[in-house]
Amino acid sequence: MKAEKLKQIRFKKTIDFYKKVEPNSKHILDLGVKNRLSEEFTSLGYNVQNTQGVDLDLNPELIQKYTGVEVVTAFEILEHLVSPYALIKNLPANRMVATIPLSLWFSKPYRNINNKFDWHYHEFEPWQFDMLLDKAGWDITYSEKWTAPTYQVGIRPILRFFYPRYYAVHAIRREK
């Protein structure tokens, strides 16, 4: 129950961020499989397409088949890619909203030992993600950081109340 409540808080922050930076964009390409967050966007009247589990590391060019997209969203997906640069460089829209987990000095990167596809190859510092977007031809227009409190007991859970865990950005592709 408590984990579910925390997830709902994160989803609300993500949706509120999107509404703030893209108030009029209804056609979204969401990187990754259909999930509860993309379903929340759909229930709010957005037209959401998902990339349906295509390996975006091995096949970043497949992203070009999606047309009619106003905004690409990458909600906690880029950290799972070994090399997100080629994908980010070739997104089929000129606007992007992304969230990523930040690297925390007191916690190792997330790794699910039961599922090798559920690993974080990257947990960025904000400046690293900014640099990646810049190099791929994007300008960040707005960003926010969020904490991720937990209901667990201990030093790390207490630190999560004070250190940002998530980084959200809105970016526009630079003119070539």
N, C-alpha and C. Protein backbone atom coordinates (compact mmCIF):
# COMPACT_ATOMS: atom_id res chain seq x y z
N MET A 1 0.82 -1.20 0.00
CA MET A 1 0.00 0.00 0.00
C MET A 1 0.86 1.26 0.00
N LYS A 2 1.85 1.29 0.87
CA LYS A 2 2.69 2.48 0.96
C LYS A 2 3.48 2.70 -0.32
N ALA A 3 4.02 1.61 -0.90
CA ALA A 3 4.76 1.73 -2.16
C ALA A 3 3.85 2.25 -3.27
N GLU A 4 2.62 1.80 -3.28
CA GLU A 4 1.63 2.24 -4.27
C GLU A 4 1.35 3.74 -4.13
N LYS A 5 1.23 4.19 -2.90
CA LYS A 5 0.98 5.61 -2.66
C LYS A 5 2.15 6.46 -3.15
N LEU A 6 3.37 5.98 -2.90
CA LEU A 6 4.56 6.71 -3.37
C LEU A 6 4.62 6.77 -4.89
N LYS A 7 4.25 5.68 -5.54
CA LYS A 7 4.22 5.65 -7.00
C LYS A 7 3.20 6.65 -7.54
N GLN A 8 2.03 6.72 -6.90
CA GLN A 8 1.01 7.68 -7.31
C GLN A 8 1.49 9.11 -7.15
N ILE A 9 2.24 9.39 -6.10
CA ILE A 9 2.80 10.74 -5.90
C ILE A 9 3.77 11.06 -7.04
N ARG A 10 4.63 10.11 -7.39
CA ARG A 10 5.58 10.32 -8.49
C ARG A 10 4.85 10.51 -9.81
N PHE A 11 3.82 9.72 -10.06
CA PHE A 11 3.03 9.87 -11.29
C PHE A 11 2.40 11.26 -11.35
N LYS A 12 1.85 11.72 -10.22
CA LYS A 12 1.22 13.04 -10.19
C LYS A 12 2.25 14.13 -10.50
N LYS A 13 3.43 14.03 -9.92
CA LYS A 13 4.48 15.01 -10.20
C LYS A 13 4.84 15.00 -11.68
N THR A 14 4.94 13.81 -12.27
CA THR A 14 5.29 13.69 -13.68
C THR A 14 4.20 14.30 -14.56
N ILE A 15 2.96 14.00 -14.28
CA ILE A 15 1.84 14.54 -15.06
C ILE A 15 1.76 16.05 -14.90
N ASP A 16 1.91 16.55 -13.69
CA ASP A 16 1.88 17.99 -13.46
C ASP A 16 3.03 18.69 -14.20
N PHE A 17 4.20 18.08 -14.20
CA PHE A 17 5.34 18.64 -14.92
C PHE A 17 5.01 18.71 -16.42
N TYR A 18 4.49 17.62 -16.97
CA TYR A 18 4.14 17.59 -18.39
C TYR A 18 3.12 18.69 -18.72
N LYS A 19 2.08 18.81 -17.92
CA LYS A 19 1.05 19.81 -18.17
C LYS A 19 1.63 21.23 -18.11
N LYS A 20 2.62 21.43 -17.26
CA LYS A 20 3.25 22.74 -17.13
C LYS A 20 4.06 23.10 -18.38
N VAL A 21 4.80 22.13 -18.92
CA VAL A 21 5.71 22.43 -20.03
C VAL A 21 5.10 22.17 -21.41
N GLU A 22 4.07 21.34 -21.48
CA GLU A 22 3.41 21.01 -22.75
C GLU A 22 1.89 21.07 -22.58
N PRO A 23 1.35 22.26 -22.26
CA PRO A 23 -0.08 22.33 -21.93
C PRO A 23 -1.01 22.01 -23.09
N ASN A 24 -0.54 22.11 -24.34
CA ASN A 24 -1.42 21.92 -25.49
C ASN A 24 -1.09 20.71 -26.35
N SER A 25 -0.10 19.93 -25.97
CA SER A 25 0.32 18.78 -26.79
C SER A 25 -0.37 17.51 -26.34
N LYS A 26 -1.13 16.92 -27.26
CA LYS A 26 -1.93 15.74 -26.93
C LYS A 26 -1.40 14.46 -27.57
N HIS A 27 -0.53 14.54 -28.59
CA HIS A 27 -0.03 13.36 -29.30
C HIS A 27 1.38 13.03 -28.82
N ILE A 28 1.48 11.95 -28.04
CA ILE A 28 2.72 11.60 -27.35
C ILE A 28 3.23 10.25 -27.84
N LEU A 29 4.53 10.18 -28.07
CA LEU A 29 5.21 8.90 -28.22
C LEU A 29 5.96 8.67 -26.93
N ASP A 30 5.55 7.65 -26.19
CA ASP A 30 6.18 7.32 -24.91
C ASP A 30 7.13 6.17 -25.15
N LEU A 31 8.42 6.40 -24.87
CA LEU A 31 9.42 5.35 -25.04
C LEU A 31 9.19 4.25 -24.01
N GLY A 32 9.15 3.03 -24.47
CA GLY A 32 8.95 1.89 -23.57
C GLY A 32 7.60 1.24 -23.78
N VAL A 33 7.32 0.27 -22.94
CA VAL A 33 6.07 -0.48 -23.05
C VAL A 33 4.93 0.30 -22.39
N LYS A 34 3.72 -0.06 -22.77
CA LYS A 34 2.54 0.52 -22.12
C LYS A 34 2.63 0.19 -20.64
N ASN A 35 2.36 1.19 -19.81
CA ASN A 35 2.49 1.01 -18.37
C ASN A 35 1.43 1.85 -17.66
N ARG A 36 1.44 1.81 -16.36
CA ARG A 36 0.40 2.53 -15.61
C ARG A 36 0.47 4.03 -15.82
N LEU A 37 1.66 4.57 -15.98
CA LEU A 37 1.77 6.02 -16.20
C LEU A 37 1.23 6.39 -17.58
N SER A 38 1.57 5.63 -18.62
CA SER A 38 1.02 5.94 -19.95
C SER A 38 -0.50 5.76 -19.96
N GLU A 39 -1.00 4.81 -19.20
CA GLU A 39 -2.45 4.64 -19.09
C GLU A 39 -3.09 5.84 -18.38
N GLU A 40 -2.40 6.40 -17.39
CA GLU A 40 -2.91 7.61 -16.71
C GLU A 40 -3.01 8.76 -17.71
N PHE A 41 -1.98 8.93 -18.56
CA PHE A 41 -2.02 9.98 -19.58
C PHE A 41 -3.19 9.74 -20.53
N THR A 42 -3.39 8.50 -20.94
CA THR A 42 -4.50 8.18 -21.84
C THR A 42 -5.83 8.51 -21.19
N SER A 43 -5.97 8.20 -19.91
CA SER A 43 -7.23 8.49 -19.21
C SER A 43 -7.49 9.99 -19.10
N LEU A 44 -6.44 10.80 -19.23
CA LEU A 44 -6.58 12.25 -19.18
C LEU A 44 -6.83 12.87 -20.56
N GLY A 45 -6.97 12.02 -21.58
CA GLY A 45 -7.31 12.51 -22.91
C GLY A 45 -6.14 12.63 -23.87
N TYR A 46 -4.97 12.17 -23.49
CA TYR A 46 -3.82 12.20 -24.38
C TYR A 46 -3.83 10.98 -25.29
N ASN A 47 -3.34 11.17 -26.51
CA ASN A 47 -3.18 10.08 -27.46
C ASN A 47 -1.74 9.59 -27.30
N VAL A 48 -1.57 8.44 -26.63
CA VAL A 48 -0.25 7.92 -26.29
C VAL A 48 0.06 6.67 -27.11
N GLN A 49 1.17 6.71 -27.84
CA GLN A 49 1.72 5.52 -28.49
C GLN A 49 2.92 5.09 -27.67
N ASN A 50 3.15 3.79 -27.56
CA ASN A 50 4.34 3.28 -26.89
C ASN A 50 5.20 2.52 -27.89
N THR A 51 6.49 2.42 -27.60
CA THR A 51 7.41 1.72 -28.51
C THR A 51 7.37 0.21 -28.32
N GLN A 52 6.56 -0.27 -27.42
CA GLN A 52 6.22 -1.69 -27.27
C GLN A 52 7.40 -2.63 -27.03
N GLY A 53 8.39 -2.22 -26.27
CA GLY A 53 9.45 -3.13 -25.87
C GLY A 53 10.54 -3.36 -26.90
N VAL A 54 10.56 -2.58 -27.96
CA VAL A 54 11.65 -2.68 -28.95
C VAL A 54 12.96 -2.36 -28.24
N ASP A 55 14.00 -3.12 -28.51
CA ASP A 55 15.31 -2.83 -27.92
C ASP A 55 15.87 -1.58 -28.58
N LEU A 56 15.74 -0.45 -27.90
CA LEU A 56 16.13 0.84 -28.46
C LEU A 56 17.64 1.06 -28.46
N ASP A 57 18.39 0.18 -27.79
CA ASP A 57 19.85 0.21 -27.91
C ASP A 57 20.28 -0.41 -29.24
N LEU A 58 19.69 -1.57 -29.55
CA LEU A 58 20.08 -2.29 -30.76
C LEU A 58 19.44 -1.73 -32.02
N ASN A 59 18.27 -1.12 -31.87
CA ASN A 59 17.51 -0.65 -33.04
C ASN A 59 17.01 0.77 -32.86
N PRO A 60 17.88 1.75 -32.62
CA PRO A 60 17.38 3.12 -32.41
C PRO A 60 16.69 3.70 -33.64
N GLU A 61 17.02 3.17 -34.82
CA GLU A 61 16.40 3.69 -36.05
C GLU A 61 14.91 3.36 -36.15
N LEU A 62 14.44 2.35 -35.42
CA LEU A 62 13.02 1.99 -35.45
C LEU A 62 12.13 3.10 -34.90
N ILE A 63 12.72 4.02 -34.19
CA ILE A 63 11.96 5.14 -33.63
C ILE A 63 11.37 6.03 -34.75
N GLN A 64 12.00 5.99 -35.92
CA GLN A 64 11.56 6.84 -37.03
C GLN A 64 10.22 6.42 -37.64
N LYS A 65 9.76 5.22 -37.35
CA LYS A 65 8.48 4.76 -37.92
C LYS A 65 7.27 5.46 -37.29
N TYR A 66 7.48 6.12 -36.17
CA TYR A 66 6.39 6.80 -35.48
C TYR A 66 6.23 8.19 -36.08
N THR A 67 5.03 8.49 -36.55
CA THR A 67 4.78 9.79 -37.18
C THR A 67 3.61 10.47 -36.48
N GLY A 68 3.47 11.77 -36.74
CA GLY A 68 2.38 12.52 -36.16
C GLY A 68 2.54 12.76 -34.67
N VAL A 69 3.75 12.68 -34.19
CA VAL A 69 4.04 12.82 -32.77
C VAL A 69 4.42 14.27 -32.47
N GLU A 70 3.79 14.86 -31.47
CA GLU A 70 4.14 16.22 -31.07
C GLU A 70 5.29 16.22 -30.07
N VAL A 71 5.25 15.27 -29.14
CA VAL A 71 6.21 15.21 -28.04
C VAL A 71 6.61 13.76 -27.80
N VAL A 72 7.89 13.56 -27.55
CA VAL A 72 8.36 12.24 -27.10
C VAL A 72 8.55 12.32 -25.60
N THR A 73 8.02 11.32 -24.89
CA THR A 73 8.26 11.24 -23.46
C THR A 73 9.16 10.05 -23.17
N ALA A 74 10.05 10.26 -22.23
CA ALA A 74 10.97 9.20 -21.80
C ALA A 74 10.96 9.21 -20.28
N PHE A 75 9.96 8.55 -19.73
CA PHE A 75 9.78 8.55 -18.28
C PHE A 75 10.50 7.35 -17.68
N GLU A 76 11.67 7.62 -17.14
CA GLU A 76 12.48 6.62 -16.47
C GLU A 76 12.74 5.41 -17.37
N ILE A 77 13.24 5.69 -18.56
CA ILE A 77 13.60 4.64 -19.51
C ILE A 77 15.05 4.78 -19.98
N LEU A 78 15.54 6.00 -20.10
CA LEU A 78 16.87 6.22 -20.68
C LEU A 78 17.99 5.62 -19.84
N GLU A 79 17.78 5.50 -18.54
CA GLU A 79 18.80 4.91 -17.68
C GLU A 79 18.97 3.42 -17.93
N HIS A 80 18.01 2.78 -18.60
CA HIS A 80 18.08 1.36 -18.92
C HIS A 80 18.85 1.08 -20.20
N LEU A 81 19.16 2.12 -20.97
CA LEU A 81 19.88 1.94 -22.23
C LEU A 81 21.38 2.03 -21.99
N VAL A 82 22.11 1.17 -22.67
CA VAL A 82 23.57 1.22 -22.57
C VAL A 82 24.09 2.50 -23.20
N SER A 83 23.49 2.87 -24.33
CA SER A 83 23.93 4.07 -25.04
C SER A 83 22.73 4.84 -25.57
N PRO A 84 22.17 5.76 -24.79
CA PRO A 84 20.97 6.47 -25.21
C PRO A 84 21.19 7.57 -26.25
N TYR A 85 22.44 7.91 -26.56
CA TYR A 85 22.73 9.03 -27.46
C TYR A 85 22.05 8.90 -28.82
N ALA A 86 22.23 7.76 -29.52
CA ALA A 86 21.68 7.60 -30.88
C ALA A 86 20.16 7.74 -30.88
N LEU A 87 19.53 7.21 -29.87
CA LEU A 87 18.08 7.32 -29.77
C LEU A 87 17.66 8.78 -29.58
N ILE A 88 18.28 9.46 -28.63
CA ILE A 88 17.92 10.85 -28.33
C ILE A 88 18.18 11.74 -29.54
N LYS A 89 19.24 11.49 -30.25
CA LYS A 89 19.60 12.30 -31.43
C LYS A 89 18.54 12.18 -32.52
N ASN A 90 17.88 11.03 -32.61
CA ASN A 90 16.98 10.76 -33.74
C ASN A 90 15.51 10.64 -33.37
N LEU A 91 15.11 11.24 -32.28
CA LEU A 91 13.70 11.18 -31.90
C LEU A 91 12.82 11.83 -32.97
N PRO A 92 11.61 11.30 -33.20
CA PRO A 92 10.75 11.79 -34.28
C PRO A 92 9.90 13.01 -33.94
N ALA A 93 10.27 13.76 -32.94
CA ALA A 93 9.56 14.99 -32.59
C ALA A 93 10.60 16.03 -32.20
N ASN A 94 10.19 17.27 -32.19
CA ASN A 94 11.12 18.35 -31.83
C ASN A 94 11.02 18.78 -30.38
N ARG A 95 10.17 18.07 -29.62
CA ARG A 95 10.04 18.37 -28.19
C ARG A 95 10.09 17.06 -27.41
N MET A 96 10.70 17.15 -26.24
CA MET A 96 10.86 15.96 -25.41
C MET A 96 10.64 16.32 -23.94
N VAL A 97 9.99 15.40 -23.23
CA VAL A 97 9.87 15.49 -21.78
C VAL A 97 10.43 14.18 -21.23
N ALA A 98 11.43 14.29 -20.36
CA ALA A 98 12.08 13.10 -19.83
C ALA A 98 12.26 13.20 -18.32
N THR A 99 12.17 12.05 -17.68
CA THR A 99 12.54 11.95 -16.27
C THR A 99 13.57 10.84 -16.15
N ILE A 100 14.54 11.06 -15.27
CA ILE A 100 15.57 10.06 -15.02
C ILE A 100 15.85 9.99 -13.52
N PRO A 101 16.31 8.82 -13.06
CA PRO A 101 16.75 8.77 -11.67
C PRO A 101 18.14 9.37 -11.56
N LEU A 102 18.37 10.10 -10.51
CA LEU A 102 19.67 10.70 -10.28
C LEU A 102 20.57 9.76 -9.49
N SER A 103 21.84 9.90 -9.72
CA SER A 103 22.83 9.16 -8.96
C SER A 103 22.82 9.67 -7.52
N LEU A 104 22.80 8.75 -6.58
CA LEU A 104 22.82 9.12 -5.18
C LEU A 104 24.11 8.60 -4.54
N TRP A 105 24.82 9.45 -3.87
CA TRP A 105 26.11 9.06 -3.29
C TRP A 105 25.97 7.98 -2.23
N PHE A 106 24.79 7.84 -1.65
CA PHE A 106 24.61 6.90 -0.56
C PHE A 106 23.90 5.61 -1.00
N SER A 107 23.72 5.43 -2.32
CA SER A 107 23.00 4.27 -2.81
C SER A 107 23.59 3.81 -4.14
N LYS A 108 23.74 2.51 -4.29
CA LYS A 108 24.24 1.96 -5.55
C LYS A 108 23.16 2.06 -6.63
N PRO A 109 23.55 2.05 -7.91
CA PRO A 109 22.55 2.04 -8.98
C PRO A 109 21.63 0.83 -8.86
N TYR A 110 20.40 1.02 -9.28
CA TYR A 110 19.39 -0.03 -9.21
C TYR A 110 19.74 -1.18 -10.14
N ARG A 111 19.59 -2.40 -9.62
CA ARG A 111 19.82 -3.60 -10.43
C ARG A 111 18.91 -4.70 -9.93
N ASN A 112 18.04 -5.17 -10.78
CA ASN A 112 17.13 -6.26 -10.46
C ASN A 112 17.82 -7.57 -10.84
N ILE A 113 18.27 -8.34 -9.87
CA ILE A 113 19.03 -9.56 -10.18
C ILE A 113 18.18 -10.62 -10.88
N ASN A 114 16.87 -10.47 -10.85
CA ASN A 114 15.98 -11.44 -11.50
C ASN A 114 15.61 -11.06 -12.94
N ASN A 115 16.02 -9.86 -13.38
CA ASN A 115 15.63 -9.40 -14.71
C ASN A 115 16.71 -8.48 -15.25
N LYS A 116 17.53 -8.98 -16.19
CA LYS A 116 18.66 -8.18 -16.68
C LYS A 116 18.22 -6.97 -17.51
N PHE A 117 16.96 -6.91 -17.90
CA PHE A 117 16.47 -5.74 -18.64
C PHE A 117 16.01 -4.63 -17.70
N ASP A 118 15.97 -4.94 -16.41
CA ASP A 118 15.52 -3.97 -15.42
C ASP A 118 16.71 -3.47 -14.60
N TRP A 119 17.80 -3.13 -15.31
CA TRP A 119 18.99 -2.58 -14.67
C TRP A 119 19.14 -1.12 -15.06
N HIS A 120 19.73 -0.36 -14.19
CA HIS A 120 20.09 1.01 -14.54
C HIS A 120 21.55 1.02 -14.95
N TYR A 121 21.78 1.18 -16.25
CA TYR A 121 23.15 1.31 -16.73
C TYR A 121 23.70 2.69 -16.41
N HIS A 122 22.79 3.64 -16.29
CA HIS A 122 23.17 5.02 -15.97
C HIS A 122 22.27 5.54 -14.86
N GLU A 123 22.85 6.13 -13.88
CA GLU A 123 22.11 7.00 -12.98
C GLU A 123 22.91 8.29 -13.01
N PHE A 124 22.34 9.27 -13.65
CA PHE A 124 23.05 10.49 -14.03
C PHE A 124 23.15 11.49 -12.90
N GLU A 125 24.16 12.32 -12.98
CA GLU A 125 24.17 13.61 -12.31
C GLU A 125 23.41 14.54 -13.26
N PRO A 126 22.74 15.57 -12.78
CA PRO A 126 22.01 16.45 -13.69
C PRO A 126 22.89 17.01 -14.82
N TRP A 127 24.11 17.40 -14.51
CA TRP A 127 24.99 17.98 -15.53
C TRP A 127 25.33 16.94 -16.60
N GLN A 128 25.40 15.66 -16.24
CA GLN A 128 25.69 14.63 -17.23
C GLN A 128 24.52 14.48 -18.21
N PHE A 129 23.31 14.47 -17.68
CA PHE A 129 22.15 14.35 -18.56
C PHE A 129 22.01 15.59 -19.43
N ASP A 130 22.24 16.76 -18.84
CA ASP A 130 22.22 18.00 -19.62
C ASP A 130 23.23 17.94 -20.77
N MET A 131 24.42 17.44 -20.48
CA MET A 131 25.46 17.34 -21.50
C MET A 131 25.07 16.36 -22.60
N LEU A 132 24.46 15.24 -22.23
CA LEU A 132 24.00 14.26 -23.21
C LEU A 132 22.97 14.90 -24.15
N LEU A 133 22.00 15.61 -23.58
CA LEU A 133 20.99 16.25 -24.41
C LEU A 133 21.60 17.32 -25.31
N ASP A 134 22.50 18.11 -24.77
CA ASP A 134 23.16 19.15 -25.55
C ASP A 134 23.92 18.54 -26.73
N LYS A 135 24.68 17.51 -26.47
CA LYS A 135 25.47 16.87 -27.52
C LYS A 135 24.57 16.25 -28.60
N ALA A 136 23.38 15.80 -28.21
CA ALA A 136 22.44 15.20 -29.16
C ALA A 136 21.59 16.25 -29.88
N GLY A 137 21.81 17.54 -29.58
CA GLY A 137 21.13 18.60 -30.32
C GLY A 137 19.89 19.16 -29.66
N TRP A 138 19.78 19.06 -28.34
CA TRP A 138 18.60 19.52 -27.62
C TRP A 138 18.96 20.64 -26.67
N ASP A 139 18.04 21.59 -26.51
CA ASP A 139 18.17 22.66 -25.53
C ASP A 139 17.13 22.45 -24.45
N ILE A 140 17.55 22.45 -23.21
CA ILE A 140 16.63 22.30 -22.09
C ILE A 140 15.98 23.65 -21.82
N THR A 141 14.65 23.64 -21.80
CA THR A 141 13.91 24.88 -21.54
C THR A 141 13.45 25.00 -20.09
N TYR A 142 13.33 23.85 -19.43
CA TYR A 142 12.87 23.86 -18.04
C TYR A 142 13.23 22.53 -17.40
N SER A 143 13.54 22.57 -16.11
CA SER A 143 13.84 21.32 -15.39
C SER A 143 13.42 21.45 -13.93
N GLU A 144 13.19 20.30 -13.32
CA GLU A 144 12.88 20.21 -11.89
C GLU A 144 13.54 18.96 -11.33
N LYS A 145 13.78 18.98 -10.02
CA LYS A 145 14.29 17.80 -9.31
C LYS A 145 13.28 17.46 -8.22
N TRP A 146 13.13 16.15 -7.97
CA TRP A 146 12.20 15.68 -6.96
C TRP A 146 12.90 14.74 -6.00
N THR A 147 12.46 14.76 -4.76
CA THR A 147 12.93 13.77 -3.80
C THR A 147 12.05 12.52 -3.92
N ALA A 148 12.48 11.45 -3.27
CA ALA A 148 11.71 10.20 -3.29
C ALA A 148 11.68 9.62 -1.88
N PRO A 149 10.92 10.24 -0.99
CA PRO A 149 10.84 9.71 0.37
C PRO A 149 10.27 8.29 0.38
N THR A 150 10.66 7.54 1.38
CA THR A 150 10.11 6.19 1.55
C THR A 150 9.57 6.07 2.97
N TYR A 151 8.83 5.01 3.19
CA TYR A 151 8.30 4.75 4.53
C TYR A 151 9.19 3.77 5.29
N GLN A 152 10.37 3.50 4.77
CA GLN A 152 11.28 2.57 5.43
C GLN A 152 12.02 3.29 6.55
N VAL A 153 12.66 2.51 7.40
CA VAL A 153 13.43 3.03 8.51
C VAL A 153 14.91 2.90 8.19
N GLY A 154 15.69 3.91 8.55
CA GLY A 154 17.14 3.83 8.36
C GLY A 154 17.71 5.14 7.89
N ILE A 155 19.01 5.16 7.78
CA ILE A 155 19.72 6.37 7.35
C ILE A 155 19.40 6.70 5.90
N ARG A 156 19.48 5.72 4.99
CA ARG A 156 19.21 6.00 3.57
C ARG A 156 17.80 6.53 3.35
N PRO A 157 16.78 5.91 3.94
CA PRO A 157 15.43 6.48 3.78
C PRO A 157 15.33 7.91 4.29
N ILE A 158 16.00 8.23 5.37
CA ILE A 158 15.98 9.62 5.86
C ILE A 158 16.64 10.54 4.84
N LEU A 159 17.78 10.10 4.27
CA LEU A 159 18.48 10.92 3.27
C LEU A 159 17.61 11.17 2.03
N ARG A 160 16.74 10.21 1.70
CA ARG A 160 15.87 10.37 0.53
C ARG A 160 14.87 11.50 0.68
N PHE A 161 14.64 11.95 1.90
CA PHE A 161 13.78 13.11 2.11
C PHE A 161 14.47 14.41 1.70
N PHE A 162 15.80 14.40 1.66
CA PHE A 162 16.56 15.63 1.43
C PHE A 162 17.29 15.69 0.09
N TYR A 163 17.67 14.53 -0.46
CA TYR A 163 18.43 14.50 -1.71
C TYR A 163 17.52 14.17 -2.87
N PRO A 164 17.52 15.00 -3.90
CA PRO A 164 16.69 14.70 -5.07
C PRO A 164 17.04 13.36 -5.70
N ARG A 165 16.02 12.62 -6.08
CA ARG A 165 16.20 11.31 -6.71
C ARG A 165 15.84 11.36 -8.19
N TYR A 166 14.92 12.24 -8.57
CA TYR A 166 14.46 12.29 -9.97
C TYR A 166 14.73 13.67 -10.56
N TYR A 167 15.00 13.65 -11.84
CA TYR A 167 15.29 14.86 -12.60
C TYR A 167 14.36 14.86 -13.80
N ALA A 168 13.58 15.91 -13.95
CA ALA A 168 12.65 16.03 -15.07
C ALA A 168 13.09 17.20 -15.95
N VAL A 169 13.07 16.99 -17.26
CA VAL A 169 13.46 18.05 -18.19
C VAL A 169 12.47 18.17 -19.33
N HIS A 170 12.34 19.38 -19.81
CA HIS A 170 11.65 19.66 -21.06
C HIS A 170 12.71 20.20 -22.00
N ALA A 171 12.79 19.64 -23.19
CA ALA A 171 13.82 20.05 -24.14
C ALA A 171 13.23 20.22 -25.53
N ILE A 172 13.84 21.14 -26.28
CA ILE A 172 13.45 21.41 -27.66
C ILE A 172 14.68 21.18 -28.54
N ARG A 173 14.44 20.51 -29.67
CA ARG A 173 15.54 20.24 -30.61
C ARG A 173 16.02 21.54 -31.22
N ARG A 174 17.34 21.71 -31.24
CA ARG A 174 17.93 22.89 -31.89
C ARG A 174 17.77 22.79 -33.40
N GLU A 175 17.63 23.94 -34.01
CA GLU A 175 17.57 23.99 -35.48
C GLU A 175 18.92 23.61 -36.04
N LYS A 176 18.90 22.85 -37.10
CA LYS A 176 20.16 22.40 -37.70
C LYS A 176 20.74 23.42 -38.62
